[in-house]
Amino acid sequence: MKRKSIIVLFTMSILCSCSTDVDIYTGYYKDTTIVYGVIDVANDTNFIRIVRAFSGNNDDSFNANEIALIEDSSNYPGKLDARLFEYKKVSGESFSPTGREIVLDTITLHNKQEGLFYAPNQKVYYTTELFHVNNAREKYKYKLLISKPNDTISSEISLIGGTNFRISSPMLFFKAENAGIRKFLFTPDDNEAIYQVTMQFNYKELKQGQDTVYKNVRWSSGPHSTYELGHEGQNLYFTYREDDLFTQLSMSIGDDIHYVERFYDSFVVSIYAYSKELDDYIQISAATSGIEYCYTNIHGGLGILSSCHEIKENIEISGRAKTDLLSMPWGFKYIGYN
């Protein structure tokens, strides 16, 4: 497995998302299904956690912390029939089933660290099938259906990671002094998303008598919706200061400037995008002080089904940035070495 994505939901106190108002005080014996999954189209394996609630009302005389340590209290016995149905856009906002069904299998992970909930084994549902991504001509969405003996749980998701989602700016412009504000452009995903950009300057450090050390400075923007970012034609953009790189290096290197040579390696920009539903889930979870009511996009259950994707590229830095780096007292050189 090349890449894996798993986000496991364990605590009832963060079961908040975006569509349905639900009373989670279900009583000890009532079966309430909880679904949690974040699908990334770049992964060769995607996981979805499907468990049951064990929350009770205020009159129940049981200790939830003790019950959380019992594996059978969260897991359904055996394997539920859980599958994703694929739909393709036909016109306007209408989607039609393609006939493709992705059946989820179960696997037990054996390396969960001990904590509030049972360990080290965790049962999860997964698929190794690839998902279709959106492009200029074709749009897809997926519907999760979980069949239980007397109930059906469902959710619908449009995936982040379409082919239109890509970086547009070929270069970053930095300088040490008289810094202004610059734009970093990208074309957004086809689905509404929240974006966060991370910049990382990679370099090598060589001190006398020591092995080469690979280092970096890394900084990120906060999450922004489409409406909070700048618009330029078909592009969205983040802004950055031209002295950001030098500010970060100054804080990282400090006074470590004697008997050292540093060599520029690369500059990497990544843009992480995740669905608006997941952002609502996170924001409401952070703002909710109690757990009596919550929101969810799982019909017939609780939790969140969402999507995320990251694009990452090596980006050139301007000649002025390289010149200013050479002029700083940090020992940067632009000569190759092995």
C-alpha atoms as a PDB file:
ATOM      1  CA  MET A   1       0.000   0.000   0.000  1.00  0.00           C
ATOM      2  CA  LYS A   2       1.616   3.235  -1.114  1.00  0.00           C
ATOM      3  CA  ARG A   3      -0.554   5.753   0.679  1.00  0.00           C
ATOM      4  CA  LYS A   4      -3.206   5.323   3.331  1.00  0.00           C
ATOM      5  CA  SER A   5      -5.724   7.703   4.850  1.00  0.00           C
ATOM      6  CA  ILE A   6      -7.456   6.877   8.111  1.00  0.00           C
ATOM      7  CA  ILE A   7      -9.166   9.201  10.534  1.00  0.00           C
ATOM      8  CA  VAL A   8     -10.922   7.318  13.329  1.00  0.00           C
ATOM      9  CA  LEU A   9     -13.834   8.741  15.306  1.00  0.00           C
ATOM     10  CA  PHE A  10     -13.961   7.577  18.896  1.00  0.00           C
ATOM     11  CA  THR A  11     -15.476  10.217  21.150  1.00  0.00           C
ATOM     12  CA  MET A  12     -19.079  11.323  21.242  1.00  0.00           C
ATOM     13  CA  SER A  13     -18.071  14.832  22.209  1.00  0.00           C
ATOM     14  CA  ILE A  14     -16.987  15.712  18.649  1.00  0.00           C
ATOM     15  CA  LEU A  15     -19.803  14.154  16.652  1.00  0.00           C
ATOM     16  CA  CYS A  16     -20.786  17.362  14.865  1.00  0.00           C
ATOM     17  CA  SER A  17     -21.158  18.104  11.164  1.00  0.00           C
ATOM     18  CA  CYS A  18     -23.507  19.807   8.819  1.00  0.00           C
ATOM     19  CA  SER A  19     -27.049  18.771   8.105  1.00  0.00           C
ATOM     20  CA  THR A  20     -29.279  16.943  10.608  1.00  0.00           C
ATOM     21  CA  ASP A  21     -30.060  17.823  14.225  1.00  0.00           C
ATOM     22  CA  VAL A  22     -29.758  14.621  16.265  1.00  0.00           C
ATOM     23  CA  ASP A  23     -30.225  13.721  19.940  1.00  0.00           C
ATOM     24  CA  ILE A  24     -27.262  11.473  20.773  1.00  0.00           C
ATOM     25  CA  TYR A  25     -28.558  10.406  24.188  1.00  0.00           C
ATOM     26  CA  THR A  26     -29.760   7.134  22.742  1.00  0.00           C
ATOM     27  CA  GLY A  27     -29.995   4.922  25.790  1.00  0.00           C
ATOM     28  CA  TYR A  28     -27.562   2.131  26.556  1.00  0.00           C
ATOM     29  CA  TYR A  29     -29.018  -0.606  24.345  1.00  0.00           C
ATOM     30  CA  LYS A  30     -30.119   1.365  21.300  1.00  0.00           C
ATOM     31  CA  ASP A  31     -28.023   0.735  18.181  1.00  0.00           C
ATOM     32  CA  THR A  32     -26.800   4.070  16.760  1.00  0.00           C
ATOM     33  CA  THR A  33     -24.384   3.783  13.847  1.00  0.00           C
ATOM     34  CA  ILE A  34     -21.414   6.139  13.652  1.00  0.00           C
ATOM     35  CA  VAL A  35     -19.546   6.606  10.373  1.00  0.00           C
ATOM     36  CA  TYR A  36     -16.321   8.506   9.927  1.00  0.00           C
ATOM     37  CA  GLY A  37     -14.180   8.666   6.796  1.00  0.00           C
ATOM     38  CA  VAL A  38     -12.142  11.119   4.745  1.00  0.00           C
ATOM     39  CA  ILE A  39     -11.482   9.880   1.206  1.00  0.00           C
ATOM     40  CA  ASP A  40      -8.453  11.001  -0.803  1.00  0.00           C
ATOM     41  CA  VAL A  41      -8.500  10.094  -4.514  1.00  0.00           C
ATOM     42  CA  ALA A  42      -4.674   9.888  -4.464  1.00  0.00           C
ATOM     43  CA  ASN A  43      -4.637   7.044  -1.943  1.00  0.00           C
ATOM     44  CA  ASP A  44      -4.352   3.446  -3.056  1.00  0.00           C
ATOM     45  CA  THR A  45      -6.291   2.464   0.088  1.00  0.00           C
ATOM     46  CA  ASN A  46      -9.076   4.445   1.747  1.00  0.00           C
ATOM     47  CA  PHE A  47     -10.582   3.602   5.127  1.00  0.00           C
ATOM     48  CA  ILE A  48     -13.985   4.269   6.666  1.00  0.00           C
ATOM     49  CA  ARG A  49     -14.708   3.664  10.330  1.00  0.00           C
ATOM     50  CA  ILE A  50     -18.150   2.183  11.055  1.00  0.00           C
ATOM     51  CA  VAL A  51     -18.966   1.674  14.719  1.00  0.00           C
ATOM     52  CA  ARG A  52     -21.924   1.883  17.079  1.00  0.00           C
ATOM     53  CA  ALA A  53     -22.648   4.334  19.862  1.00  0.00           C
ATOM     54  CA  PHE A  54     -22.762   3.314  23.496  1.00  0.00           C
ATOM     55  CA  SER A  55     -23.919   6.617  24.973  1.00  0.00           C
ATOM     56  CA  GLY A  56     -26.768   6.521  27.488  1.00  0.00           C
ATOM     57  CA  ASN A  57     -29.022   8.955  29.312  1.00  0.00           C
ATOM     58  CA  ASN A  58     -28.286  10.601  32.627  1.00  0.00           C
ATOM     59  CA  ASP A  59     -30.115   7.880  34.571  1.00  0.00           C
ATOM     60  CA  ASP A  60     -27.936   5.018  33.296  1.00  0.00           C
ATOM     61  CA  SER A  61     -25.499   3.667  35.883  1.00  0.00           C
ATOM     62  CA  PHE A  62     -22.569   2.747  33.683  1.00  0.00           C
ATOM     63  CA  ASN A  63     -19.099   4.189  33.226  1.00  0.00           C
ATOM     64  CA  ALA A  64     -18.528   5.224  29.600  1.00  0.00           C
ATOM     65  CA  ASN A  65     -14.747   5.278  30.109  1.00  0.00           C
ATOM     66  CA  GLU A  66     -14.824   1.629  31.161  1.00  0.00           C
ATOM     67  CA  ILE A  67     -17.121   0.596  28.311  1.00  0.00           C
ATOM     68  CA  ALA A  68     -14.846   2.357  25.785  1.00  0.00           C
ATOM     69  CA  LEU A  69     -12.103  -0.122  26.667  1.00  0.00           C
ATOM     70  CA  ILE A  70     -14.277  -3.066  25.599  1.00  0.00           C
ATOM     71  CA  GLU A  71     -13.883  -3.836  21.893  1.00  0.00           C
ATOM     72  CA  ASP A  72     -17.381  -5.281  21.405  1.00  0.00           C
ATOM     73  CA  SER A  73     -18.978  -2.128  22.792  1.00  0.00           C
ATOM     74  CA  SER A  74     -17.938  -0.174  19.688  1.00  0.00           C
ATOM     75  CA  ASN A  75     -17.647  -2.788  16.947  1.00  0.00           C
ATOM     76  CA  TYR A  76     -20.491  -4.519  15.172  1.00  0.00           C
ATOM     77  CA  PRO A  77     -20.050  -8.307  15.181  1.00  0.00           C
ATOM     78  CA  GLY A  78     -18.868  -9.707  11.873  1.00  0.00           C
ATOM     79  CA  LYS A  79     -19.025  -7.457   8.824  1.00  0.00           C
ATOM     80  CA  LEU A  80     -21.777  -5.113   7.730  1.00  0.00           C
ATOM     81  CA  ASP A  81     -22.772  -4.818   4.064  1.00  0.00           C
ATOM     82  CA  ALA A  82     -21.203  -1.449   3.241  1.00  0.00           C
ATOM     83  CA  ARG A  83     -20.657  -0.211  -0.304  1.00  0.00           C
ATOM     84  CA  LEU A  84     -20.200   2.948  -2.349  1.00  0.00           C
ATOM     85  CA  PHE A  85     -22.341   3.539  -5.438  1.00  0.00           C
ATOM     86  CA  GLU A  86     -20.922   5.682  -8.237  1.00  0.00           C
ATOM     87  CA  TYR A  87     -22.947   8.406  -9.975  1.00  0.00           C
ATOM     88  CA  LYS A  88     -22.054  10.513 -13.016  1.00  0.00           C
ATOM     89  CA  LYS A  89     -23.396  13.940 -13.867  1.00  0.00           C
ATOM     90  CA  VAL A  90     -25.694  13.883 -16.902  1.00  0.00           C
ATOM     91  CA  SER A  91     -27.034  17.462 -17.059  1.00  0.00           C
ATOM     92  CA  GLY A  92     -27.459  20.467 -14.803  1.00  0.00           C
ATOM     93  CA  GLU A  93     -27.402  19.144 -11.259  1.00  0.00           C
ATOM     94  CA  SER A  94     -28.678  15.691 -12.248  1.00  0.00           C
ATOM     95  CA  PHE A  95     -26.563  12.585 -11.645  1.00  0.00           C
ATOM     96  CA  SER A  96     -27.221   9.078 -12.922  1.00  0.00           C
ATOM     97  CA  PRO A  97     -25.827   5.789 -11.524  1.00  0.00           C
ATOM     98  CA  THR A  98     -22.992   4.275 -13.549  1.00  0.00           C
ATOM     99  CA  GLY A  99     -23.743   0.775 -12.257  1.00  0.00           C
ATOM    100  CA  ARG A 100     -20.423   0.582 -10.440  1.00  0.00           C
ATOM    101  CA  GLU A 101     -20.488  -0.592  -6.805  1.00  0.00           C
ATOM    102  CA  ILE A 102     -17.435  -0.462  -4.538  1.00  0.00           C
ATOM    103  CA  VAL A 103     -17.878  -3.080  -1.810  1.00  0.00           C
ATOM    104  CA  LEU A 104     -16.042  -2.267   1.420  1.00  0.00           C
ATOM    105  CA  ASP A 105     -14.117  -5.055   3.109  1.00  0.00           C
ATOM    106  CA  THR A 106     -12.895  -5.155   6.714  1.00  0.00           C
ATOM    107  CA  ILE A 107      -9.379  -5.312   8.063  1.00  0.00           C
ATOM    108  CA  THR A 108      -8.008  -5.204  11.607  1.00  0.00           C
ATOM    109  CA  LEU A 109      -5.181  -2.801  12.326  1.00  0.00           C
ATOM    110  CA  HIS A 110      -2.906  -3.978  15.114  1.00  0.00           C
ATOM    111  CA  ASN A 111      -0.884  -0.914  16.034  1.00  0.00           C
ATOM    112  CA  LYS A 112      -3.250   1.519  17.749  1.00  0.00           C
ATOM    113  CA  GLN A 113      -1.622   3.062  20.790  1.00  0.00           C
ATOM    114  CA  GLU A 114      -3.267   2.601  24.178  1.00  0.00           C
ATOM    115  CA  GLY A 115      -5.539   5.406  25.294  1.00  0.00           C
ATOM    116  CA  LEU A 116      -9.134   6.135  26.201  1.00  0.00           C
ATOM    117  CA  PHE A 117     -10.422   3.530  23.727  1.00  0.00           C
ATOM    118  CA  TYR A 118      -9.533  -0.089  23.198  1.00  0.00           C
ATOM    119  CA  ALA A 119      -6.175  -1.074  21.723  1.00  0.00           C
ATOM    120  CA  PRO A 120      -4.101  -2.293  19.988  1.00  0.00           C
ATOM    121  CA  ASN A 121      -6.557  -3.815  17.481  1.00  0.00           C
ATOM    122  CA  GLN A 122      -8.971  -1.718  15.433  1.00  0.00           C
ATOM    123  CA  LYS A 123     -11.471  -2.996  12.874  1.00  0.00           C
ATOM    124  CA  VAL A 124     -12.010  -0.693   9.897  1.00  0.00           C
ATOM    125  CA  TYR A 125     -13.695  -0.874   6.500  1.00  0.00           C
ATOM    126  CA  TYR A 126     -11.585  -0.196   3.434  1.00  0.00           C
ATOM    127  CA  THR A 127     -11.321  -0.268  -0.343  1.00  0.00           C
ATOM    128  CA  THR A 128      -8.353  -0.390  -2.701  1.00  0.00           C
ATOM    129  CA  GLU A 129     -10.411   0.624  -5.720  1.00  0.00           C
ATOM    130  CA  LEU A 130      -9.635   3.932  -7.402  1.00  0.00           C
ATOM    131  CA  PHE A 131     -12.168   6.729  -7.575  1.00  0.00           C
ATOM    132  CA  HIS A 132     -12.977   8.802 -10.635  1.00  0.00           C
ATOM    133  CA  VAL A 133     -11.930  12.435 -10.377  1.00  0.00           C
ATOM    134  CA  ASN A 134     -13.776  15.344 -11.898  1.00  0.00           C
ATOM    135  CA  ASN A 135     -12.574  17.032 -15.052  1.00  0.00           C
ATOM    136  CA  ALA A 136     -13.903  19.611 -17.508  1.00  0.00           C
ATOM    137  CA  ARG A 137     -16.218  17.057 -19.169  1.00  0.00           C
ATOM    138  CA  GLU A 138     -17.148  14.579 -16.414  1.00  0.00           C
ATOM    139  CA  LYS A 139     -18.330  14.968 -12.821  1.00  0.00           C
ATOM    140  CA  TYR A 140     -18.849  12.160 -10.304  1.00  0.00           C
ATOM    141  CA  LYS A 141     -20.188  11.628  -6.815  1.00  0.00           C
ATOM    142  CA  TYR A 142     -20.494   8.595  -4.544  1.00  0.00           C
ATOM    143  CA  LYS A 143     -23.223   7.373  -2.214  1.00  0.00           C
ATOM    144  CA  LEU A 144     -22.393   5.243   0.819  1.00  0.00           C
ATOM    145  CA  LEU A 145     -24.999   2.646   1.761  1.00  0.00           C
ATOM    146  CA  ILE A 146     -24.709   0.510   4.903  1.00  0.00           C
ATOM    147  CA  SER A 147     -27.293  -2.261   5.215  1.00  0.00           C
ATOM    148  CA  LYS A 148     -28.237  -3.518   8.667  1.00  0.00           C
ATOM    149  CA  PRO A 149     -30.896  -6.146   9.510  1.00  0.00           C
ATOM    150  CA  ASN A 150     -33.533  -3.542  10.378  1.00  0.00           C
ATOM    151  CA  ASP A 151     -32.020  -0.301   9.158  1.00  0.00           C
ATOM    152  CA  THR A 152     -30.118   1.422   6.338  1.00  0.00           C
ATOM    153  CA  ILE A 153     -27.472   4.130   6.798  1.00  0.00           C
ATOM    154  CA  SER A 154     -26.491   6.407   3.909  1.00  0.00           C
ATOM    155  CA  SER A 155     -24.390   9.412   2.975  1.00  0.00           C
ATOM    156  CA  GLU A 156     -23.397  11.209  -0.218  1.00  0.00           C
ATOM    157  CA  ILE A 157     -20.055  12.725  -1.157  1.00  0.00           C
ATOM    158  CA  SER A 158     -18.436  14.658  -3.996  1.00  0.00           C
ATOM    159  CA  LEU A 159     -14.693  14.066  -4.018  1.00  0.00           C
ATOM    160  CA  ILE A 160     -11.973  16.710  -3.834  1.00  0.00           C
ATOM    161  CA  GLY A 161      -9.090  16.241  -6.282  1.00  0.00           C
ATOM    162  CA  GLY A 162     -10.348  17.008  -9.783  1.00  0.00           C
ATOM    163  CA  THR A 163      -7.901  17.577 -12.632  1.00  0.00           C
ATOM    164  CA  ASN A 164      -8.624  21.324 -12.618  1.00  0.00           C
ATOM    165  CA  PHE A 165      -7.086  21.640  -9.150  1.00  0.00           C
ATOM    166  CA  ARG A 166      -3.476  22.685  -9.847  1.00  0.00           C
ATOM    167  CA  ILE A 167      -0.862  25.323  -9.085  1.00  0.00           C
ATOM    168  CA  SER A 168      -0.664  28.217 -11.559  1.00  0.00           C
ATOM    169  CA  SER A 169       2.239  30.365 -10.278  1.00  0.00           C
ATOM    170  CA  PRO A 170       5.599  29.153 -11.668  1.00  0.00           C
ATOM    171  CA  MET A 171       7.801  31.230  -9.339  1.00  0.00           C
ATOM    172  CA  LEU A 172       7.938  32.799  -5.888  1.00  0.00           C
ATOM    173  CA  PHE A 173       9.444  36.253  -5.424  1.00  0.00           C
ATOM    174  CA  PHE A 174      11.321  36.862  -2.195  1.00  0.00           C
ATOM    175  CA  LYS A 175      13.716  39.571  -1.051  1.00  0.00           C
ATOM    176  CA  ALA A 176      15.300  40.522   2.240  1.00  0.00           C
ATOM    177  CA  GLU A 177      14.318  44.202   2.418  1.00  0.00           C
ATOM    178  CA  ASN A 178      11.601  46.611   1.285  1.00  0.00           C
ATOM    179  CA  ALA A 179       9.195  43.704   1.087  1.00  0.00           C
ATOM    180  CA  GLY A 180       5.826  43.970  -0.574  1.00  0.00           C
ATOM    181  CA  ILE A 181       2.874  41.642  -0.972  1.00  0.00           C
ATOM    182  CA  ARG A 182       2.763  38.997  -3.721  1.00  0.00           C
ATOM    183  CA  LYS A 183       0.089  36.628  -5.041  1.00  0.00           C
ATOM    184  CA  PHE A 184       0.367  32.861  -5.332  1.00  0.00           C
ATOM    185  CA  LEU A 185      -2.196  31.582  -7.829  1.00  0.00           C
ATOM    186  CA  PHE A 186      -3.901  28.220  -8.283  1.00  0.00           C
ATOM    187  CA  THR A 187      -6.975  26.901 -10.081  1.00  0.00           C
ATOM    188  CA  PRO A 188      -9.543  25.642  -7.567  1.00  0.00           C
ATOM    189  CA  ASP A 189     -11.117  22.232  -7.331  1.00  0.00           C
ATOM    190  CA  ASP A 190     -14.434  21.587  -9.084  1.00  0.00           C
ATOM    191  CA  ASN A 191     -16.157  21.059  -5.743  1.00  0.00           C
ATOM    192  CA  GLU A 192     -16.463  23.657  -3.008  1.00  0.00           C
ATOM    193  CA  ALA A 193     -13.486  23.282  -0.704  1.00  0.00           C
ATOM    194  CA  ILE A 194     -11.396  24.810   2.060  1.00  0.00           C
ATOM    195  CA  TYR A 195      -7.750  25.496   1.148  1.00  0.00           C
ATOM    196  CA  GLN A 196      -4.538  25.818   3.103  1.00  0.00           C
ATOM    197  CA  VAL A 197      -1.146  26.537   1.537  1.00  0.00           C
ATOM    198  CA  THR A 198       2.194  25.441   2.994  1.00  0.00           C
ATOM    199  CA  MET A 199       5.599  26.692   1.826  1.00  0.00           C
ATOM    200  CA  GLN A 200       8.798  24.811   2.576  1.00  0.00           C
ATOM    201  CA  PHE A 201      12.374  25.896   1.830  1.00  0.00           C
ATOM    202  CA  ASN A 202      14.767  22.914   1.857  1.00  0.00           C
ATOM    203  CA  TYR A 203      18.507  23.267   2.282  1.00  0.00           C
ATOM    204  CA  LYS A 204      21.623  21.315   3.217  1.00  0.00           C
ATOM    205  CA  GLU A 205      23.936  22.252   6.061  1.00  0.00           C
ATOM    206  CA  LEU A 206      27.594  21.273   6.260  1.00  0.00           C
ATOM    207  CA  LYS A 207      29.784  21.918   9.290  1.00  0.00           C
ATOM    208  CA  GLN A 208      33.464  21.114   9.535  1.00  0.00           C
ATOM    209  CA  GLY A 209      34.057  17.519  10.539  1.00  0.00           C
ATOM    210  CA  GLN A 210      30.352  16.633  10.508  1.00  0.00           C
ATOM    211  CA  ASP A 211      27.990  14.859   8.139  1.00  0.00           C
ATOM    212  CA  THR A 212      25.680  16.807   5.866  1.00  0.00           C
ATOM    213  CA  VAL A 213      22.367  17.618   7.551  1.00  0.00           C
ATOM    214  CA  TYR A 214      19.154  18.185   5.585  1.00  0.00           C
ATOM    215  CA  LYS A 215      17.040  20.983   7.022  1.00  0.00           C
ATOM    216  CA  ASN A 216      14.035  23.096   6.112  1.00  0.00           C
ATOM    217  CA  VAL A 217      11.901  26.003   7.188  1.00  0.00           C
ATOM    218  CA  ARG A 218       8.163  25.591   6.781  1.00  0.00           C
ATOM    219  CA  TRP A 219       5.181  27.896   7.251  1.00  0.00           C
ATOM    220  CA  SER A 220       1.487  27.720   6.469  1.00  0.00           C
ATOM    221  CA  SER A 221      -1.500  29.940   5.913  1.00  0.00           C
ATOM    222  CA  GLY A 222      -4.653  29.419   7.857  1.00  0.00           C
ATOM    223  CA  PRO A 223      -7.579  27.600   6.200  1.00  0.00           C
ATOM    224  CA  HIS A 224      -9.591  29.732   3.767  1.00  0.00           C
ATOM    225  CA  SER A 225     -12.803  29.159   1.874  1.00  0.00           C
ATOM    226  CA  THR A 226     -13.223  30.050  -1.790  1.00  0.00           C
ATOM    227  CA  TYR A 227     -14.967  33.254  -0.751  1.00  0.00           C
ATOM    228  CA  GLU A 228     -12.137  34.340   1.541  1.00  0.00           C
ATOM    229  CA  LEU A 229      -9.422  34.058  -1.111  1.00  0.00           C
ATOM    230  CA  GLY A 230      -8.575  36.507  -3.866  1.00  0.00           C
ATOM    231  CA  HIS A 231      -9.932  35.930  -7.376  1.00  0.00           C
ATOM    232  CA  GLU A 232      -8.035  36.581 -10.598  1.00  0.00           C
ATOM    233  CA  GLY A 233      -9.683  35.279 -13.748  1.00  0.00           C
ATOM    234  CA  GLN A 234     -10.144  31.511 -13.335  1.00  0.00           C
ATOM    235  CA  ASN A 235      -7.620  31.450 -10.501  1.00  0.00           C
ATOM    236  CA  LEU A 236      -7.794  31.877  -6.767  1.00  0.00           C
ATOM    237  CA  TYR A 237      -4.809  33.237  -4.895  1.00  0.00           C
ATOM    238  CA  PHE A 238      -3.165  33.422  -1.498  1.00  0.00           C
ATOM    239  CA  THR A 239      -0.971  36.380  -0.632  1.00  0.00           C
ATOM    240  CA  TYR A 240       2.489  36.213   0.924  1.00  0.00           C
ATOM    241  CA  ARG A 241       5.119  38.725   1.995  1.00  0.00           C
ATOM    242  CA  GLU A 242       8.298  38.968  -0.038  1.00  0.00           C
ATOM    243  CA  ASP A 243      10.376  38.760   3.149  1.00  0.00           C
ATOM    244  CA  ASP A 244       8.629  35.636   4.498  1.00  0.00           C
ATOM    245  CA  LEU A 245      11.511  33.343   3.528  1.00  0.00           C
ATOM    246  CA  PHE A 246      14.116  35.541   5.210  1.00  0.00           C
ATOM    247  CA  THR A 247      12.013  35.941   8.340  1.00  0.00           C
ATOM    248  CA  GLN A 248      11.664  32.175   8.663  1.00  0.00           C
ATOM    249  CA  LEU A 249      15.363  31.519   8.057  1.00  0.00           C
ATOM    250  CA  SER A 250      16.388  34.203  10.536  1.00  0.00           C
ATOM    251  CA  MET A 251      14.272  32.616  13.262  1.00  0.00           C
ATOM    252  CA  SER A 252      15.536  29.115  12.427  1.00  0.00           C
ATOM    253  CA  ILE A 253      19.263  29.798  11.965  1.00  0.00           C
ATOM    254  CA  GLY A 254      19.706  32.520  14.566  1.00  0.00           C
ATOM    255  CA  ASP A 255      23.378  32.927  15.531  1.00  0.00           C
ATOM    256  CA  ASP A 256      24.468  29.594  14.069  1.00  0.00           C
ATOM    257  CA  ILE A 257      26.594  31.202  11.355  1.00  0.00           C
ATOM    258  CA  HIS A 258      30.175  30.193  12.192  1.00  0.00           C
ATOM    259  CA  TYR A 259      32.090  27.435  10.389  1.00  0.00           C
ATOM    260  CA  VAL A 260      29.058  26.350   8.417  1.00  0.00           C
ATOM    261  CA  GLU A 261      28.131  26.200   4.739  1.00  0.00           C
ATOM    262  CA  ARG A 262      24.540  25.971   3.524  1.00  0.00           C
ATOM    263  CA  PHE A 263      23.288  24.929   0.105  1.00  0.00           C
ATOM    264  CA  TYR A 264      19.895  25.640  -1.414  1.00  0.00           C
ATOM    265  CA  ASP A 265      18.072  22.405  -2.263  1.00  0.00           C
ATOM    266  CA  SER A 266      14.459  23.094  -3.287  1.00  0.00           C
ATOM    267  CA  PHE A 267      11.333  25.077  -2.554  1.00  0.00           C
ATOM    268  CA  VAL A 268       8.093  23.095  -2.259  1.00  0.00           C
ATOM    269  CA  VAL A 269       4.573  24.482  -2.166  1.00  0.00           C
ATOM    270  CA  SER A 270       1.608  22.309  -1.219  1.00  0.00           C
ATOM    271  CA  ILE A 271      -2.070  23.204  -1.219  1.00  0.00           C
ATOM    272  CA  TYR A 272      -4.249  21.014   0.956  1.00  0.00           C
ATOM    273  CA  ALA A 273      -7.965  21.055   0.136  1.00  0.00           C
ATOM    274  CA  TYR A 274     -10.792  19.463   2.083  1.00  0.00           C
ATOM    275  CA  SER A 275     -14.541  19.517   1.722  1.00  0.00           C
ATOM    276  CA  LYS A 276     -16.820  22.179   3.135  1.00  0.00           C
ATOM    277  CA  GLU A 277     -18.664  19.467   5.109  1.00  0.00           C
ATOM    278  CA  LEU A 278     -15.473  18.561   6.937  1.00  0.00           C
ATOM    279  CA  ASP A 279     -14.803  22.215   7.703  1.00  0.00           C
ATOM    280  CA  ASP A 280     -18.316  22.603   9.118  1.00  0.00           C
ATOM    281  CA  TYR A 281     -17.718  19.493  11.202  1.00  0.00           C
ATOM    282  CA  ILE A 282     -14.445  20.876  12.586  1.00  0.00           C
ATOM    283  CA  GLN A 283     -15.797  24.360  13.254  1.00  0.00           C
ATOM    284  CA  ILE A 284     -18.970  23.167  14.977  1.00  0.00           C
ATOM    285  CA  SER A 285     -17.001  20.638  17.023  1.00  0.00           C
ATOM    286  CA  ALA A 286     -14.690  23.389  18.261  1.00  0.00           C
ATOM    287  CA  ALA A 287     -17.598  25.699  19.096  1.00  0.00           C
ATOM    288  CA  THR A 288     -19.832  23.132  20.813  1.00  0.00           C
ATOM    289  CA  SER A 289     -19.444  22.995  24.575  1.00  0.00           C
ATOM    290  CA  GLY A 290     -21.949  20.212  25.207  1.00  0.00           C
ATOM    291  CA  ILE A 291     -22.785  16.923  23.499  1.00  0.00           C
ATOM    292  CA  GLU A 292     -26.544  16.709  23.795  1.00  0.00           C
ATOM    293  CA  TYR A 293     -27.148  17.634  20.151  1.00  0.00           C
ATOM    294  CA  CYS A 294     -24.949  17.526  17.091  1.00  0.00           C
ATOM    295  CA  TYR A 295     -25.010  17.707  13.301  1.00  0.00           C
ATOM    296  CA  THR A 296     -24.113  15.016  10.791  1.00  0.00           C
ATOM    297  CA  ASN A 297     -24.204  14.216   7.080  1.00  0.00           C
ATOM    298  CA  ILE A 298     -24.838  10.536   7.861  1.00  0.00           C
ATOM    299  CA  HIS A 299     -28.523   9.788   7.273  1.00  0.00           C
ATOM    300  CA  GLY A 300     -29.815   7.363   9.881  1.00  0.00           C
ATOM    301  CA  GLY A 301     -26.653   7.649  11.965  1.00  0.00           C
ATOM    302  CA  LEU A 302     -23.989  10.041  13.188  1.00  0.00           C
ATOM    303  CA  GLY A 303     -20.551  11.161  12.052  1.00  0.00           C
ATOM    304  CA  ILE A 304     -19.043  12.595   8.879  1.00  0.00           C
ATOM    305  CA  LEU A 305     -18.101  11.335   5.424  1.00  0.00           C
ATOM    306  CA  SER A 306     -15.836  13.750   3.601  1.00  0.00           C
ATOM    307  CA  SER A 307     -12.957  14.144   1.159  1.00  0.00           C
ATOM    308  CA  CYS A 308      -9.519  15.767   0.979  1.00  0.00           C
ATOM    309  CA  HIS A 309      -6.624  16.070  -1.465  1.00  0.00           C
ATOM    310  CA  GLU A 310      -3.210  17.713  -1.587  1.00  0.00           C
ATOM    311  CA  ILE A 311      -1.263  19.022  -4.568  1.00  0.00           C
ATOM    312  CA  LYS A 312       2.459  19.619  -4.184  1.00  0.00           C
ATOM    313  CA  GLU A 313       5.095  21.035  -6.541  1.00  0.00           C
ATOM    314  CA  ASN A 314       8.688  22.224  -6.601  1.00  0.00           C
ATOM    315  CA  ILE A 315       8.552  25.960  -7.330  1.00  0.00           C
ATOM    316  CA  GLU A 316      11.391  28.172  -8.522  1.00  0.00           C
ATOM    317  CA  ILE A 317      12.448  31.113  -6.369  1.00  0.00           C
ATOM    318  CA  SER A 318      13.412  34.373  -8.018  1.00  0.00           C
ATOM    319  CA  GLY A 319      16.944  35.439  -8.856  1.00  0.00           C
ATOM    320  CA  ARG A 320      16.605  38.292  -6.362  1.00  0.00           C
ATOM    321  CA  ALA A 321      15.857  35.755  -3.629  1.00  0.00           C
ATOM    322  CA  LYS A 322      19.011  33.788  -4.458  1.00  0.00           C
ATOM    323  CA  THR A 323      21.132  36.934  -4.578  1.00  0.00           C
ATOM    324  CA  ASP A 324      19.840  38.104  -1.220  1.00  0.00           C
ATOM    325  CA  LEU A 325      20.448  34.665   0.305  1.00  0.00           C
ATOM    326  CA  LEU A 326      24.089  34.815  -0.780  1.00  0.00           C
ATOM    327  CA  SER A 327      24.466  38.251   0.796  1.00  0.00           C
ATOM    328  CA  MET A 328      23.155  37.178   4.201  1.00  0.00           C
ATOM    329  CA  PRO A 329      25.619  35.977   6.902  1.00  0.00           C
ATOM    330  CA  TRP A 330      24.136  32.468   6.924  1.00  0.00           C
ATOM    331  CA  GLY A 331      26.785  30.843   4.709  1.00  0.00           C
ATOM    332  CA  PHE A 332      24.576  29.995   1.717  1.00  0.00           C
ATOM    333  CA  LYS A 333      26.434  28.935  -1.440  1.00  0.00           C
ATOM    334  CA  TYR A 334      25.134  27.868  -4.847  1.00  0.00           C
ATOM    335  CA  ILE A 335      27.830  25.397  -5.837  1.00  0.00           C
ATOM    336  CA  GLY A 336      27.088  21.692  -6.130  1.00  0.00           C
ATOM    337  CA  TYR A 337      28.663  19.043  -3.983  1.00  0.00           C
ATOM    338  CA  ASN A 338      28.256  15.338  -3.316  1.00  0.00           C
END
